[in-house]
Amino acid sequence: MQRFTDQRDESTRDEIWMVEHPPIFTLGLNASREHVLSPGDIPVLQIDRGGQVTYHGPGQLVIYPLIDLKRLALGVRQLVVALENAVIAYVGELGVAASGSRAAPGVYVNGAKLASVGLRIRRGASYHGMALNVSLDLQPFERINVCGYRDLTVTRLADLGGVSEVRAVAEGLTPHLIRELGFSGHAPARGSAQSAHSAIKTDLQAVNSL
């Protein structure tokens, strides 16, 4: 996604990548390693997004919005809120009441974090993005101060709305992302994943996008 961002120009279509990663802790560009308490056998990787430490693993949907922010007239905060609102609207369809937070970006259910946000803006375009907990093992979160906060708990959709398949969540979330990000045209039909200015690329086996 860094290469995509570096090589894009004003004619490049925006893309949204949806992937899963193998088990890994990631630290933001200016994150403190003191928040990595006991990583054990899980690798720790410092990357060029904002934010502190989080965990990625199988059963988590990671969404990378590769967007020309100027073209969509989006500021960074507007992008964060759009990502949060897409998840809030989707889980609302499942009967789950969730909310965002301006103090600590992400999506929360009863104070527990369901989705984390960490972005990078370069050359006016966004990359990195949001991680939504679907059915992943939550135990590794106990080895870190989640997003740099002590005692912040996490939750997953499988325990809240009964949805445990990452691909199904990706399909259900897509139209909400299209709407909240303000892409023109109609939400893509399932399987086509195309709109006037965007392409939804879902490769749930991708592991090398960090």
C-alpha atoms as a PDB file:
ATOM      1  CA  MET A   1       0.000   0.000   0.000  1.00  0.00           C
ATOM      2  CA  GLN A   2       2.976   2.337   0.468  1.00  0.00           C
ATOM      3  CA  ARG A   3       3.998   1.635  -3.128  1.00  0.00           C
ATOM      4  CA  PHE A   4       0.444   2.237  -4.318  1.00  0.00           C
ATOM      5  CA  THR A   5       0.382   5.578  -2.468  1.00  0.00           C
ATOM      6  CA  ASP A   6       3.793   6.670  -3.766  1.00  0.00           C
ATOM      7  CA  GLN A   7       2.967   5.803  -7.366  1.00  0.00           C
ATOM      8  CA  ARG A   8      -0.558   7.170  -7.566  1.00  0.00           C
ATOM      9  CA  ASP A   9      -1.493  10.422  -9.294  1.00  0.00           C
ATOM     10  CA  GLU A  10      -4.678  12.465  -9.719  1.00  0.00           C
ATOM     11  CA  SER A  11      -6.101   9.909 -12.156  1.00  0.00           C
ATOM     12  CA  THR A  12      -5.554   6.867  -9.902  1.00  0.00           C
ATOM     13  CA  ARG A  13      -8.733   5.210  -8.689  1.00  0.00           C
ATOM     14  CA  ASP A  14      -9.187   5.074  -4.954  1.00  0.00           C
ATOM     15  CA  GLU A  15      -9.156   1.569  -3.513  1.00  0.00           C
ATOM     16  CA  ILE A  16     -10.238  -0.066  -0.285  1.00  0.00           C
ATOM     17  CA  TRP A  17      -8.316  -3.195   0.635  1.00  0.00           C
ATOM     18  CA  MET A  18      -9.792  -5.702   3.084  1.00  0.00           C
ATOM     19  CA  VAL A  19      -7.410  -8.285   4.476  1.00  0.00           C
ATOM     20  CA  GLU A  20      -6.561 -10.541   7.389  1.00  0.00           C
ATOM     21  CA  HIS A  21      -3.083 -10.724   8.895  1.00  0.00           C
ATOM     22  CA  PRO A  22      -1.231 -13.475  10.729  1.00  0.00           C
ATOM     23  CA  PRO A  23      -0.618 -12.840  14.447  1.00  0.00           C
ATOM     24  CA  ILE A  24       1.432  -9.665  14.935  1.00  0.00           C
ATOM     25  CA  PHE A  25       1.694  -6.666  17.238  1.00  0.00           C
ATOM     26  CA  THR A  26       2.162  -3.368  15.422  1.00  0.00           C
ATOM     27  CA  LEU A  27       3.466  -0.113  16.841  1.00  0.00           C
ATOM     28  CA  GLY A  28       2.756   3.294  15.360  1.00  0.00           C
ATOM     29  CA  LEU A  29       5.548   5.529  14.130  1.00  0.00           C
ATOM     30  CA  ASN A  30       5.949   7.355  17.448  1.00  0.00           C
ATOM     31  CA  ALA A  31       4.639   4.619  19.728  1.00  0.00           C
ATOM     32  CA  SER A  32       6.329   3.633  22.957  1.00  0.00           C
ATOM     33  CA  ARG A  33       7.486   0.048  23.391  1.00  0.00           C
ATOM     34  CA  GLU A  34       6.627   0.276  27.085  1.00  0.00           C
ATOM     35  CA  HIS A  35       3.061  -0.566  26.046  1.00  0.00           C
ATOM     36  CA  VAL A  36       4.216  -3.981  24.768  1.00  0.00           C
ATOM     37  CA  LEU A  37       4.059  -5.897  28.038  1.00  0.00           C
ATOM     38  CA  SER A  38       4.674  -9.527  27.159  1.00  0.00           C
ATOM     39  CA  PRO A  39       4.675 -10.313  23.435  1.00  0.00           C
ATOM     40  CA  GLY A  40       5.854 -13.891  23.825  1.00  0.00           C
ATOM     41  CA  ASP A  41       6.149 -15.605  20.458  1.00  0.00           C
ATOM     42  CA  ILE A  42       4.116 -13.001  18.567  1.00  0.00           C
ATOM     43  CA  PRO A  43       6.283 -10.711  16.395  1.00  0.00           C
ATOM     44  CA  VAL A  44       6.401  -6.966  17.095  1.00  0.00           C
ATOM     45  CA  LEU A  45       6.686  -4.625  14.126  1.00  0.00           C
ATOM     46  CA  GLN A  46       7.007  -0.834  14.086  1.00  0.00           C
ATOM     47  CA  ILE A  47       5.183   0.662  11.095  1.00  0.00           C
ATOM     48  CA  ASP A  48       4.492   4.123   9.717  1.00  0.00           C
ATOM     49  CA  ARG A  49       0.918   4.698  10.909  1.00  0.00           C
ATOM     50  CA  GLY A  50      -0.272   6.872  13.745  1.00  0.00           C
ATOM     51  CA  GLY A  51      -1.266   5.520  17.142  1.00  0.00           C
ATOM     52  CA  GLN A  52       0.283   3.221  19.704  1.00  0.00           C
ATOM     53  CA  VAL A  53       0.272  -0.585  19.846  1.00  0.00           C
ATOM     54  CA  THR A  54      -2.409  -2.985  18.670  1.00  0.00           C
ATOM     55  CA  TYR A  55      -2.756  -6.626  17.710  1.00  0.00           C
ATOM     56  CA  HIS A  56      -3.705  -8.157  14.368  1.00  0.00           C
ATOM     57  CA  GLY A  57      -4.547 -11.782  13.775  1.00  0.00           C
ATOM     58  CA  PRO A  58      -6.795 -14.243  11.953  1.00  0.00           C
ATOM     59  CA  GLY A  59     -10.447 -13.447  12.546  1.00  0.00           C
ATOM     60  CA  GLN A  60      -9.919  -9.692  12.334  1.00  0.00           C
ATOM     61  CA  LEU A  61     -10.977  -7.645   9.306  1.00  0.00           C
ATOM     62  CA  VAL A  62      -8.394  -4.987   8.436  1.00  0.00           C
ATOM     63  CA  ILE A  63      -9.624  -2.200   6.165  1.00  0.00           C
ATOM     64  CA  TYR A  64      -7.133  -0.057   4.239  1.00  0.00           C
ATOM     65  CA  PRO A  65      -8.742   2.996   2.585  1.00  0.00           C
ATOM     66  CA  LEU A  66      -6.301   4.141  -0.105  1.00  0.00           C
ATOM     67  CA  ILE A  67      -7.970   7.450  -0.826  1.00  0.00           C
ATOM     68  CA  ASP A  68      -7.143  10.771  -2.473  1.00  0.00           C
ATOM     69  CA  LEU A  69      -8.476  12.964   0.326  1.00  0.00           C
ATOM     70  CA  LYS A  70      -8.506  16.154  -1.727  1.00  0.00           C
ATOM     71  CA  ARG A  71     -10.623  14.558  -4.445  1.00  0.00           C
ATOM     72  CA  LEU A  72     -13.215  13.463  -1.898  1.00  0.00           C
ATOM     73  CA  ALA A  73     -12.903  16.749   0.042  1.00  0.00           C
ATOM     74  CA  LEU A  74     -12.103  14.847   3.228  1.00  0.00           C
ATOM     75  CA  GLY A  75      -9.960  15.977   6.118  1.00  0.00           C
ATOM     76  CA  VAL A  76      -8.172  13.498   8.349  1.00  0.00           C
ATOM     77  CA  ARG A  77     -10.725  13.754  11.145  1.00  0.00           C
ATOM     78  CA  GLN A  78     -13.560  13.390   8.643  1.00  0.00           C
ATOM     79  CA  LEU A  79     -11.929  10.221   7.340  1.00  0.00           C
ATOM     80  CA  VAL A  80     -11.626   8.790  10.848  1.00  0.00           C
ATOM     81  CA  VAL A  81     -15.262   9.595  11.607  1.00  0.00           C
ATOM     82  CA  ALA A  82     -16.383   8.107   8.280  1.00  0.00           C
ATOM     83  CA  LEU A  83     -14.609   4.819   9.034  1.00  0.00           C
ATOM     84  CA  GLU A  84     -16.066   4.740  12.532  1.00  0.00           C
ATOM     85  CA  ASN A  85     -19.568   5.567  11.293  1.00  0.00           C
ATOM     86  CA  ALA A  86     -19.444   2.820   8.676  1.00  0.00           C
ATOM     87  CA  VAL A  87     -18.741   0.227  11.371  1.00  0.00           C
ATOM     88  CA  ILE A  88     -21.318   1.764  13.730  1.00  0.00           C
ATOM     89  CA  ALA A  89     -23.997   1.605  11.023  1.00  0.00           C
ATOM     90  CA  TYR A  90     -23.101  -1.953  10.037  1.00  0.00           C
ATOM     91  CA  VAL A  91     -23.125  -3.378  13.549  1.00  0.00           C
ATOM     92  CA  GLY A  92     -26.312  -1.423  14.214  1.00  0.00           C
ATOM     93  CA  GLU A  93     -27.963  -3.583  11.564  1.00  0.00           C
ATOM     94  CA  LEU A  94     -26.963  -6.547  13.709  1.00  0.00           C
ATOM     95  CA  GLY A  95     -28.573  -5.022  16.784  1.00  0.00           C
ATOM     96  CA  VAL A  96     -25.307  -3.854  18.352  1.00  0.00           C
ATOM     97  CA  ALA A  97     -25.217  -0.306  19.755  1.00  0.00           C
ATOM     98  CA  ALA A  98     -21.737   1.138  19.210  1.00  0.00           C
ATOM     99  CA  SER A  99     -20.173   4.589  19.328  1.00  0.00           C
ATOM    100  CA  GLY A 100     -17.022   6.430  18.320  1.00  0.00           C
ATOM    101  CA  SER A 101     -14.701   8.518  20.465  1.00  0.00           C
ATOM    102  CA  ARG A 102     -12.899  11.763  19.752  1.00  0.00           C
ATOM    103  CA  ALA A 103     -10.553  11.256  22.705  1.00  0.00           C
ATOM    104  CA  ALA A 104      -9.416   7.804  21.572  1.00  0.00           C
ATOM    105  CA  PRO A 105     -10.472   7.083  17.954  1.00  0.00           C
ATOM    106  CA  GLY A 106     -12.151   3.773  17.299  1.00  0.00           C
ATOM    107  CA  VAL A 107     -15.486   2.053  17.784  1.00  0.00           C
ATOM    108  CA  TYR A 108     -16.653   1.000  21.235  1.00  0.00           C
ATOM    109  CA  VAL A 109     -19.414  -1.144  22.697  1.00  0.00           C
ATOM    110  CA  ASN A 110     -20.103  -0.533  26.378  1.00  0.00           C
ATOM    111  CA  GLY A 111     -16.584   0.870  26.773  1.00  0.00           C
ATOM    112  CA  ALA A 112     -14.832  -2.080  25.116  1.00  0.00           C
ATOM    113  CA  LYS A 113     -13.006  -1.496  21.843  1.00  0.00           C
ATOM    114  CA  LEU A 114     -14.457  -3.257  18.827  1.00  0.00           C
ATOM    115  CA  ALA A 115     -12.437  -1.483  16.125  1.00  0.00           C
ATOM    116  CA  SER A 116      -9.178   0.487  16.121  1.00  0.00           C
ATOM    117  CA  VAL A 117      -8.098   3.252  13.757  1.00  0.00           C
ATOM    118  CA  GLY A 118      -4.537   4.117  12.733  1.00  0.00           C
ATOM    119  CA  LEU A 119      -3.832   6.137   9.590  1.00  0.00           C
ATOM    120  CA  ARG A 120      -1.019   7.740   7.653  1.00  0.00           C
ATOM    121  CA  ILE A 121      -1.415  10.570   5.155  1.00  0.00           C
ATOM    122  CA  ARG A 122       1.237  10.992   2.468  1.00  0.00           C
ATOM    123  CA  ARG A 123       1.126  13.083  -0.687  1.00  0.00           C
ATOM    124  CA  GLY A 124      -2.467  13.957   0.168  1.00  0.00           C
ATOM    125  CA  ALA A 125      -3.552  10.308   0.244  1.00  0.00           C
ATOM    126  CA  SER A 126      -4.421   7.938   3.068  1.00  0.00           C
ATOM    127  CA  TYR A 127      -3.195   4.467   3.854  1.00  0.00           C
ATOM    128  CA  HIS A 128      -3.271   2.070   6.813  1.00  0.00           C
ATOM    129  CA  GLY A 129      -6.769   2.238   8.305  1.00  0.00           C
ATOM    130  CA  MET A 130      -9.090   0.316  10.625  1.00  0.00           C
ATOM    131  CA  ALA A 131      -9.063  -3.111  12.285  1.00  0.00           C
ATOM    132  CA  LEU A 132     -12.432  -4.643  13.200  1.00  0.00           C
ATOM    133  CA  ASN A 133     -12.492  -7.556  15.628  1.00  0.00           C
ATOM    134  CA  VAL A 134     -14.742 -10.270  14.240  1.00  0.00           C
ATOM    135  CA  SER A 135     -13.846 -13.652  15.713  1.00  0.00           C
ATOM    136  CA  LEU A 136     -10.142 -13.440  16.535  1.00  0.00           C
ATOM    137  CA  ASP A 137      -8.588 -14.736  19.747  1.00  0.00           C
ATOM    138  CA  LEU A 138      -8.629 -11.778  22.158  1.00  0.00           C
ATOM    139  CA  GLN A 139      -5.994 -13.181  24.536  1.00  0.00           C
ATOM    140  CA  PRO A 140      -3.038 -11.438  22.824  1.00  0.00           C
ATOM    141  CA  PHE A 141      -4.574  -8.065  23.683  1.00  0.00           C
ATOM    142  CA  GLU A 142      -3.834  -8.926  27.309  1.00  0.00           C
ATOM    143  CA  ARG A 143      -0.120  -8.743  26.463  1.00  0.00           C
ATOM    144  CA  ILE A 144      -0.260  -5.040  25.570  1.00  0.00           C
ATOM    145  CA  ASN A 145      -1.705  -1.755  26.747  1.00  0.00           C
ATOM    146  CA  VAL A 146      -4.268  -1.586  23.956  1.00  0.00           C
ATOM    147  CA  CYS A 147      -3.714   1.576  21.896  1.00  0.00           C
ATOM    148  CA  GLY A 148      -1.515   2.847  24.722  1.00  0.00           C
ATOM    149  CA  TYR A 149      -4.236   2.706  27.405  1.00  0.00           C
ATOM    150  CA  ARG A 150      -3.916   0.603  30.524  1.00  0.00           C
ATOM    151  CA  ASP A 151      -6.949  -1.519  31.327  1.00  0.00           C
ATOM    152  CA  LEU A 152      -8.708  -0.793  28.016  1.00  0.00           C
ATOM    153  CA  THR A 153     -10.751  -3.884  27.195  1.00  0.00           C
ATOM    154  CA  VAL A 154     -11.574  -5.203  23.748  1.00  0.00           C
ATOM    155  CA  THR A 155     -14.515  -7.086  22.324  1.00  0.00           C
ATOM    156  CA  ARG A 156     -15.366  -8.914  19.114  1.00  0.00           C
ATOM    157  CA  LEU A 157     -18.380  -9.083  16.873  1.00  0.00           C
ATOM    158  CA  ALA A 158     -18.824 -12.830  17.300  1.00  0.00           C
ATOM    159  CA  ASP A 159     -19.636 -12.230  20.971  1.00  0.00           C
ATOM    160  CA  LEU A 160     -21.975  -9.333  20.241  1.00  0.00           C
ATOM    161  CA  GLY A 161     -23.877  -9.963  17.044  1.00  0.00           C
ATOM    162  CA  GLY A 162     -23.320 -13.608  16.270  1.00  0.00           C
ATOM    163  CA  VAL A 163     -21.326 -12.913  13.081  1.00  0.00           C
ATOM    164  CA  SER A 164     -18.067 -14.867  13.035  1.00  0.00           C
ATOM    165  CA  GLU A 165     -17.103 -15.054   9.354  1.00  0.00           C
ATOM    166  CA  VAL A 166     -14.717 -12.310   8.274  1.00  0.00           C
ATOM    167  CA  ARG A 167     -15.755 -12.485   4.630  1.00  0.00           C
ATOM    168  CA  ALA A 168     -19.417 -12.004   5.544  1.00  0.00           C
ATOM    169  CA  VAL A 169     -18.493  -8.962   7.618  1.00  0.00           C
ATOM    170  CA  ALA A 170     -16.469  -7.546   4.723  1.00  0.00           C
ATOM    171  CA  GLU A 171     -19.455  -7.905   2.415  1.00  0.00           C
ATOM    172  CA  GLY A 172     -21.855  -6.383   4.929  1.00  0.00           C
ATOM    173  CA  LEU A 173     -19.573  -3.463   5.745  1.00  0.00           C
ATOM    174  CA  THR A 174     -18.757  -2.500   2.142  1.00  0.00           C
ATOM    175  CA  PRO A 175     -21.915  -0.496   1.290  1.00  0.00           C
ATOM    176  CA  HIS A 176     -21.562   1.459   4.526  1.00  0.00           C
ATOM    177  CA  LEU A 177     -17.968   2.335   3.672  1.00  0.00           C
ATOM    178  CA  ILE A 178     -19.003   3.454   0.185  1.00  0.00           C
ATOM    179  CA  ARG A 179     -21.692   5.723   1.629  1.00  0.00           C
ATOM    180  CA  GLU A 180     -19.741   7.173   4.539  1.00  0.00           C
ATOM    181  CA  LEU A 181     -16.658   7.887   2.434  1.00  0.00           C
ATOM    182  CA  GLY A 182     -18.779   9.753  -0.076  1.00  0.00           C
ATOM    183  CA  PHE A 183     -17.896   7.793  -3.199  1.00  0.00           C
ATOM    184  CA  SER A 184     -20.111   8.756  -6.112  1.00  0.00           C
ATOM    185  CA  GLY A 185     -22.413   6.253  -7.721  1.00  0.00           C
ATOM    186  CA  HIS A 186     -24.250   3.471  -6.012  1.00  0.00           C
ATOM    187  CA  ALA A 187     -22.800   0.913  -3.654  1.00  0.00           C
ATOM    188  CA  PRO A 188     -21.363  -1.977  -5.675  1.00  0.00           C
ATOM    189  CA  ALA A 189     -23.236  -5.212  -6.066  1.00  0.00           C
ATOM    190  CA  ARG A 190     -21.738  -8.071  -4.149  1.00  0.00           C
ATOM    191  CA  GLY A 191     -18.984  -9.647  -6.160  1.00  0.00           C
ATOM    192  CA  SER A 192     -18.488  -6.658  -8.497  1.00  0.00           C
ATOM    193  CA  ALA A 193     -16.966  -4.304  -5.906  1.00  0.00           C
ATOM    194  CA  GLN A 194     -16.789  -1.401  -8.355  1.00  0.00           C
ATOM    195  CA  SER A 195     -18.038   2.192  -8.224  1.00  0.00           C
ATOM    196  CA  ALA A 196     -17.189   5.320 -10.168  1.00  0.00           C
ATOM    197  CA  HIS A 197     -14.100   6.192  -8.176  1.00  0.00           C
ATOM    198  CA  SER A 198     -13.357   3.141  -6.076  1.00  0.00           C
ATOM    199  CA  ALA A 199     -12.467  -0.516  -6.177  1.00  0.00           C
ATOM    200  CA  ILE A 200     -13.029  -2.779  -3.192  1.00  0.00           C
ATOM    201  CA  LYS A 201     -10.305  -5.391  -3.154  1.00  0.00           C
ATOM    202  CA  THR A 202     -11.022  -8.236  -0.759  1.00  0.00           C
ATOM    203  CA  ASP A 203      -8.179 -10.709  -0.337  1.00  0.00           C
ATOM    204  CA  LEU A 204      -8.613 -12.252   3.062  1.00  0.00           C
ATOM    205  CA  GLN A 205      -5.389 -14.242   2.674  1.00  0.00           C
ATOM    206  CA  ALA A 206      -3.204 -11.157   2.162  1.00  0.00           C
ATOM    207  CA  VAL A 207      -0.520 -10.879   4.826  1.00  0.00           C
ATOM    208  CA  ASN A 208       2.011  -8.421   3.423  1.00  0.00           C
ATOM    209  CA  SER A 209       0.178  -5.098   3.414  1.00  0.00           C
ATOM    210  CA  LEU A 210       1.745  -3.679   6.576  1.00  0.00           C
END
